[in-house]
Amino acid sequence: MTQETTPNGTWGRLRWTRRVRERLCALRGDRTTRDAGMTTSEYAVGTIAACAFAAVLYKIVTSAAVSGALQSVIGKALNAQF
């Protein structure tokens, strides 16, 4: 099934819209439409933020309060009467 033969022609309209947008940007001299990814610095900041978030979650989950609550929930679930 090609893009033009999809139900209700969605892919055809999307391709047409993309072509119109690219031509308008070319007429204005705006060449930023082809930049569709993150740069190296954005990857670095994203990686640092993800690591910091993981460290905070690790500290929270391994804290005494959360550990005790999890043990309590698991203990109640295992000792449940059916």
C-alpha atoms as a PDB file:
ATOM      1  CA  MET A   1       0.000   0.000   0.000  1.00  0.00           C
ATOM      2  CA  THR A   2       1.622   3.246  -1.056  1.00  0.00           C
ATOM      3  CA  GLN A   3       1.281   6.524   0.766  1.00  0.00           C
ATOM      4  CA  GLU A   4      -1.165   7.901  -1.783  1.00  0.00           C
ATOM      5  CA  THR A   5      -3.474   4.878  -1.481  1.00  0.00           C
ATOM      6  CA  THR A   6      -3.844   4.944   2.286  1.00  0.00           C
ATOM      7  CA  PRO A   7      -7.354   5.415   3.646  1.00  0.00           C
ATOM      8  CA  ASN A   8      -8.496   9.044   3.463  1.00  0.00           C
ATOM      9  CA  GLY A   9      -5.183  10.129   1.884  1.00  0.00           C
ATOM     10  CA  THR A  10      -3.510  11.150   5.167  1.00  0.00           C
ATOM     11  CA  TRP A  11       0.050  10.517   4.001  1.00  0.00           C
ATOM     12  CA  GLY A  12      -0.513  12.391   0.778  1.00  0.00           C
ATOM     13  CA  ARG A  13      -1.691  15.472   2.685  1.00  0.00           C
ATOM     14  CA  LEU A  14       1.234  15.261   5.100  1.00  0.00           C
ATOM     15  CA  ARG A  15       3.749  15.080   2.258  1.00  0.00           C
ATOM     16  CA  TRP A  16       2.063  18.008   0.494  1.00  0.00           C
ATOM     17  CA  THR A  17       2.098  20.076   3.701  1.00  0.00           C
ATOM     18  CA  ARG A  18       5.784  19.318   4.270  1.00  0.00           C
ATOM     19  CA  ARG A  19       6.674  20.331   0.709  1.00  0.00           C
ATOM     20  CA  VAL A  20       4.772  23.622   1.023  1.00  0.00           C
ATOM     21  CA  ARG A  21       6.454  24.412   4.338  1.00  0.00           C
ATOM     22  CA  GLU A  22       9.916  23.646   2.931  1.00  0.00           C
ATOM     23  CA  ARG A  23       9.316  25.884  -0.098  1.00  0.00           C
ATOM     24  CA  LEU A  24       8.079  28.760   2.069  1.00  0.00           C
ATOM     25  CA  CYS A  25      11.118  28.450   4.301  1.00  0.00           C
ATOM     26  CA  ALA A  26      13.392  28.352   1.243  1.00  0.00           C
ATOM     27  CA  LEU A  27      11.799  31.551  -0.077  1.00  0.00           C
ATOM     28  CA  ARG A  28      12.405  33.278   3.248  1.00  0.00           C
ATOM     29  CA  GLY A  29      15.961  31.993   3.345  1.00  0.00           C
ATOM     30  CA  ASP A  30      15.267  29.949   6.456  1.00  0.00           C
ATOM     31  CA  ARG A  31      17.213  26.694   6.262  1.00  0.00           C
ATOM     32  CA  THR A  32      16.468  25.419   9.776  1.00  0.00           C
ATOM     33  CA  THR A  33      13.720  22.991   8.738  1.00  0.00           C
ATOM     34  CA  ARG A  34      16.227  20.222   8.076  1.00  0.00           C
ATOM     35  CA  ASP A  35      17.593  20.327  11.650  1.00  0.00           C
ATOM     36  CA  ALA A  36      15.457  17.606  13.171  1.00  0.00           C
ATOM     37  CA  GLY A  37      17.711  16.251  15.929  1.00  0.00           C
ATOM     38  CA  MET A  38      19.450  17.200  19.109  1.00  0.00           C
ATOM     39  CA  THR A  39      22.965  18.593  19.103  1.00  0.00           C
ATOM     40  CA  THR A  40      25.787  17.128  21.137  1.00  0.00           C
ATOM     41  CA  SER A  41      25.386  19.704  23.909  1.00  0.00           C
ATOM     42  CA  GLU A  42      21.677  18.923  24.168  1.00  0.00           C
ATOM     43  CA  TYR A  43      22.492  15.217  24.488  1.00  0.00           C
ATOM     44  CA  ALA A  44      25.018  16.027  27.217  1.00  0.00           C
ATOM     45  CA  VAL A  45      22.559  18.140  29.208  1.00  0.00           C
ATOM     46  CA  GLY A  46      19.821  15.536  28.731  1.00  0.00           C
ATOM     47  CA  THR A  47      22.127  12.741  29.875  1.00  0.00           C
ATOM     48  CA  ILE A  48      23.215  14.668  32.969  1.00  0.00           C
ATOM     49  CA  ALA A  49      19.591  15.467  33.838  1.00  0.00           C
ATOM     50  CA  ALA A  50      18.570  11.821  33.402  1.00  0.00           C
ATOM     51  CA  CYS A  51      21.445  10.644  35.610  1.00  0.00           C
ATOM     52  CA  ALA A  52      20.574  13.184  38.295  1.00  0.00           C
ATOM     53  CA  PHE A  53      16.919  12.121  38.201  1.00  0.00           C
ATOM     54  CA  ALA A  54      17.961   8.448  38.461  1.00  0.00           C
ATOM     55  CA  ALA A  55      20.190   9.234  41.455  1.00  0.00           C
ATOM     56  CA  VAL A  56      17.356  11.045  43.239  1.00  0.00           C
ATOM     57  CA  LEU A  57      14.953   8.159  42.577  1.00  0.00           C
ATOM     58  CA  TYR A  58      17.542   5.653  43.792  1.00  0.00           C
ATOM     59  CA  LYS A  59      18.024   7.592  47.031  1.00  0.00           C
ATOM     60  CA  ILE A  60      14.261   7.812  47.570  1.00  0.00           C
ATOM     61  CA  VAL A  61      13.584   4.131  46.884  1.00  0.00           C
ATOM     62  CA  THR A  62      16.474   2.939  49.065  1.00  0.00           C
ATOM     63  CA  SER A  63      15.560   5.210  51.984  1.00  0.00           C
ATOM     64  CA  ALA A  64      14.390   3.611  55.218  1.00  0.00           C
ATOM     65  CA  ALA A  65      10.861   5.026  55.013  1.00  0.00           C
ATOM     66  CA  VAL A  66      10.160   3.775  51.498  1.00  0.00           C
ATOM     67  CA  SER A  67      11.864   0.446  52.163  1.00  0.00           C
ATOM     68  CA  GLY A  68       9.736  -0.079  55.262  1.00  0.00           C
ATOM     69  CA  ALA A  69       6.567   0.833  53.386  1.00  0.00           C
ATOM     70  CA  LEU A  70       7.389  -1.566  50.561  1.00  0.00           C
ATOM     71  CA  GLN A  71       8.138  -4.367  53.017  1.00  0.00           C
ATOM     72  CA  SER A  72       4.853  -3.671  54.773  1.00  0.00           C
ATOM     73  CA  VAL A  73       2.862  -3.799  51.540  1.00  0.00           C
ATOM     74  CA  ILE A  74       4.578  -6.993  50.407  1.00  0.00           C
ATOM     75  CA  GLY A  75       4.113  -8.570  53.847  1.00  0.00           C
ATOM     76  CA  LYS A  76       0.381  -7.752  53.854  1.00  0.00           C
ATOM     77  CA  ALA A  77       0.005  -9.141  50.339  1.00  0.00           C
ATOM     78  CA  LEU A  78       1.742 -12.404  51.230  1.00  0.00           C
ATOM     79  CA  ASN A  79      -0.236 -12.856  54.490  1.00  0.00           C
ATOM     80  CA  ALA A  80      -3.623 -12.072  52.927  1.00  0.00           C
ATOM     81  CA  GLN A  81      -6.462 -14.475  53.738  1.00  0.00           C
ATOM     82  CA  PHE A  82      -8.369 -15.848  50.754  1.00  0.00           C
END
